Amino acid sequence: MDSTIAVKSLSALAHDSRLALFRLLVEAGPEGVSAGVLAAQLGLTPSGLSFHLKDLAHADLIAPRSDGRYVIYSAHFAAMNALVAYLTENCCQGGCCAPPAKKVSARKLVAKRGGSAAARSLTPSQGGKPR
């Protein structure tokens, strides 16, 4: 996956309603869900639902199919897996992810560095000395 496709996918998911739609479709699995059921579950108007579904389909994250007079939407799992793989491609250089680094407070950094001017300008809530 190249960065253009990743940005398009992430952009499509960067909205509460679209993310909720996508999550419902992932939970539903390959059989998918009809547009009417999606609208009812999320409380979206038909026009709002259509708008969000169009964005997700344009990003190739979902696929519509006809089932009689209904349109059934399902998550495009290959695209989702490709996005996740792209995002984790260089995570920990291919190994399992390491535990988070130990955080050092700004106050301790100030003490170690002898209280630089920049560190002294921190407010107490940022770990600096009271002004």
Protein backbone atom coordinates (compact mmCIF):
# COMPACT_ATOMS: atom_id res chain seq x y z
CA MET A 1 0.00 0.00 0.00
CA ASP A 2 1.32 3.42 -0.83
CA SER A 3 0.88 6.51 1.30
CA THR A 4 -1.77 8.01 -1.01
CA ILE A 5 -4.11 5.06 -0.45
CA ALA A 6 -3.38 5.06 3.29
CA VAL A 7 -4.21 8.76 3.56
CA LYS A 8 -7.44 8.25 1.61
CA SER A 9 -8.45 5.37 3.91
CA LEU A 10 -7.55 7.22 7.10
CA SER A 11 -9.34 10.33 5.87
CA ALA A 12 -12.50 8.32 5.23
CA LEU A 13 -12.36 6.90 8.76
CA ALA A 14 -11.69 10.29 10.36
CA HIS A 15 -15.34 11.03 11.11
CA ASP A 16 -17.46 9.69 13.98
CA SER A 17 -20.29 8.42 11.77
CA ARG A 18 -18.02 6.81 9.17
CA LEU A 19 -15.92 5.13 11.84
CA ALA A 20 -19.08 3.84 13.54
CA LEU A 21 -20.38 2.57 10.19
CA PHE A 22 -17.13 0.80 9.43
CA ARG A 23 -16.99 -0.78 12.88
CA LEU A 24 -20.56 -2.09 12.49
CA LEU A 25 -19.68 -3.57 9.12
CA VAL A 26 -16.53 -5.21 10.50
CA GLU A 27 -18.60 -6.72 13.34
CA ALA A 28 -21.19 -7.97 10.84
CA GLY A 29 -18.55 -9.90 8.91
CA PRO A 30 -18.58 -10.79 5.23
CA GLU A 31 -22.37 -11.17 5.05
CA GLY A 32 -22.75 -7.42 5.61
CA VAL A 33 -25.73 -5.27 6.61
CA SER A 34 -28.44 -3.50 4.66
CA ALA A 35 -28.46 0.27 4.43
CA GLY A 36 -31.77 0.41 6.33
CA VAL A 37 -30.38 -1.51 9.27
CA LEU A 38 -27.25 0.67 9.34
CA ALA A 39 -29.37 3.84 9.35
CA ALA A 40 -31.55 2.51 12.17
CA GLN A 41 -28.63 1.37 14.31
CA LEU A 42 -26.77 4.66 13.99
CA GLY A 43 -29.74 7.03 13.82
CA LEU A 44 -28.63 8.53 10.50
CA THR A 45 -30.91 10.05 7.90
CA PRO A 46 -30.94 8.30 4.51
CA SER A 47 -29.07 11.20 2.89
CA GLY A 48 -26.48 11.31 5.69
CA LEU A 49 -26.00 7.56 5.52
CA SER A 50 -25.60 7.69 1.75
CA PHE A 51 -22.99 10.44 2.04
CA HIS A 52 -20.90 8.50 4.56
CA LEU A 53 -21.22 5.19 2.72
CA LYS A 54 -20.06 6.89 -0.48
CA ASP A 55 -16.90 8.15 1.24
CA LEU A 56 -16.11 4.71 2.67
CA ALA A 57 -16.75 3.03 -0.69
CA HIS A 58 -14.62 5.63 -2.49
CA ALA A 59 -11.75 4.75 -0.12
CA ASP A 60 -12.36 1.05 -0.97
CA LEU A 61 -13.05 0.23 2.68
CA ILE A 62 -16.55 -1.13 2.04
CA ALA A 63 -18.24 -2.89 -0.83
CA PRO A 64 -21.94 -2.67 -1.75
CA ARG A 65 -23.82 -5.53 -3.37
CA SER A 66 -27.41 -5.95 -4.48
CA ASP A 67 -29.67 -8.46 -2.79
CA GLY A 68 -33.05 -8.18 -4.44
CA ARG A 69 -34.29 -4.70 -3.77
CA TYR A 70 -31.82 -4.11 -0.94
CA VAL A 71 -28.23 -2.91 -1.03
CA ILE A 72 -26.02 -4.80 1.39
CA TYR A 73 -22.76 -3.24 2.54
CA SER A 74 -19.82 -5.18 3.89
CA ALA A 75 -16.35 -4.26 5.05
CA HIS A 76 -13.57 -4.81 2.54
CA PHE A 77 -11.36 -6.84 4.85
CA ALA A 78 -8.42 -7.02 2.46
CA ALA A 79 -8.25 -3.20 2.35
CA MET A 80 -8.58 -3.00 6.15
CA ASN A 81 -5.80 -5.56 6.64
CA ALA A 82 -3.58 -3.74 4.13
CA LEU A 83 -4.08 -0.46 6.03
CA VAL A 84 -3.25 -2.08 9.37
CA ALA A 85 -0.19 -3.73 7.83
CA TYR A 86 0.93 -0.39 6.36
CA LEU A 87 0.56 1.33 9.73
CA THR A 88 2.48 -1.38 11.58
CA GLU A 89 5.07 -2.12 8.87
CA ASN A 90 7.99 -0.58 10.73
CA CYS A 91 6.70 -1.09 14.24
CA CYS A 92 9.61 -2.23 16.40
CA GLN A 93 11.55 -3.17 13.25
CA GLY A 94 9.33 -6.20 12.65
CA GLY A 95 9.51 -7.60 16.19
CA CYS A 96 6.83 -7.52 18.81
CA CYS A 97 6.11 -4.09 20.15
CA ALA A 98 8.20 -3.06 23.12
CA PRO A 99 6.60 -1.78 26.31
CA PRO A 100 6.19 1.99 26.45
CA ALA A 101 9.27 3.94 27.40
CA LYS A 102 9.52 5.08 30.98
CA LYS A 103 8.33 8.66 31.24
CA VAL A 104 10.57 11.17 32.95
CA SER A 105 8.88 14.20 34.38
CA ALA A 106 9.96 17.66 33.28
CA ARG A 107 10.81 18.41 36.93
CA LYS A 108 13.39 15.60 36.98
CA LEU A 109 14.84 16.81 33.69
CA VAL A 110 15.19 20.32 35.11
CA ALA A 111 17.01 18.96 38.16
CA LYS A 112 19.34 16.82 36.04
CA ARG A 113 20.19 19.65 33.65
CA GLY A 114 20.66 22.29 36.28
CA GLY A 115 17.47 24.19 35.52
CA SER A 116 17.82 25.59 32.00
CA ALA A 117 15.96 28.79 31.16
CA ALA A 118 13.51 26.92 28.94
CA ALA A 119 12.76 24.37 31.64
CA ARG A 120 12.38 27.06 34.32
CA SER A 121 9.69 28.70 32.19
CA LEU A 122 7.45 25.66 32.62
CA THR A 123 4.41 26.09 34.82
CA PRO A 124 4.08 23.83 37.89
CA SER A 125 1.55 21.65 36.02
CA GLN A 126 4.18 21.13 33.30
CA GLY A 127 6.78 20.06 35.86
CA GLY A 128 8.51 23.43 36.30
CA LYS A 129 9.17 25.56 39.34
CA PRO A 130 6.48 27.99 40.50
CA ARG A 131 6.94 31.44 39.02
